[in-house]
């Protein structure tokens, strides 16, 4: 057997551990951001609407604003956060381009 074929199992094992760690961080980040989005869109727009309607933005009750506009703005913000964090995670695992 050649020397390269002997090194392959170790490299495969190392790659497998790296891949698992990478995907673990990726899924954890995704679950965190989706939970935040759920709380903002469902919580602020529906569950906490009565409380938030005491306040106003641009003449509209805050609960209504979150249901119509705020959840969208938060979703865009979460996409930006995901992009920044994923670039950092990819650099950590040497997967950046």
Foldseek 3Di string as FASTA:
>chain_A
DDPVVVCVVVVVVVVVVLVVVLVVVLVVLVVVLVVVLCCQQCVLQPVCQVVQQVDDDPPGRRNPCSNPPVSVVSVVVSVVVSVVVNQVSCVVSVNDD
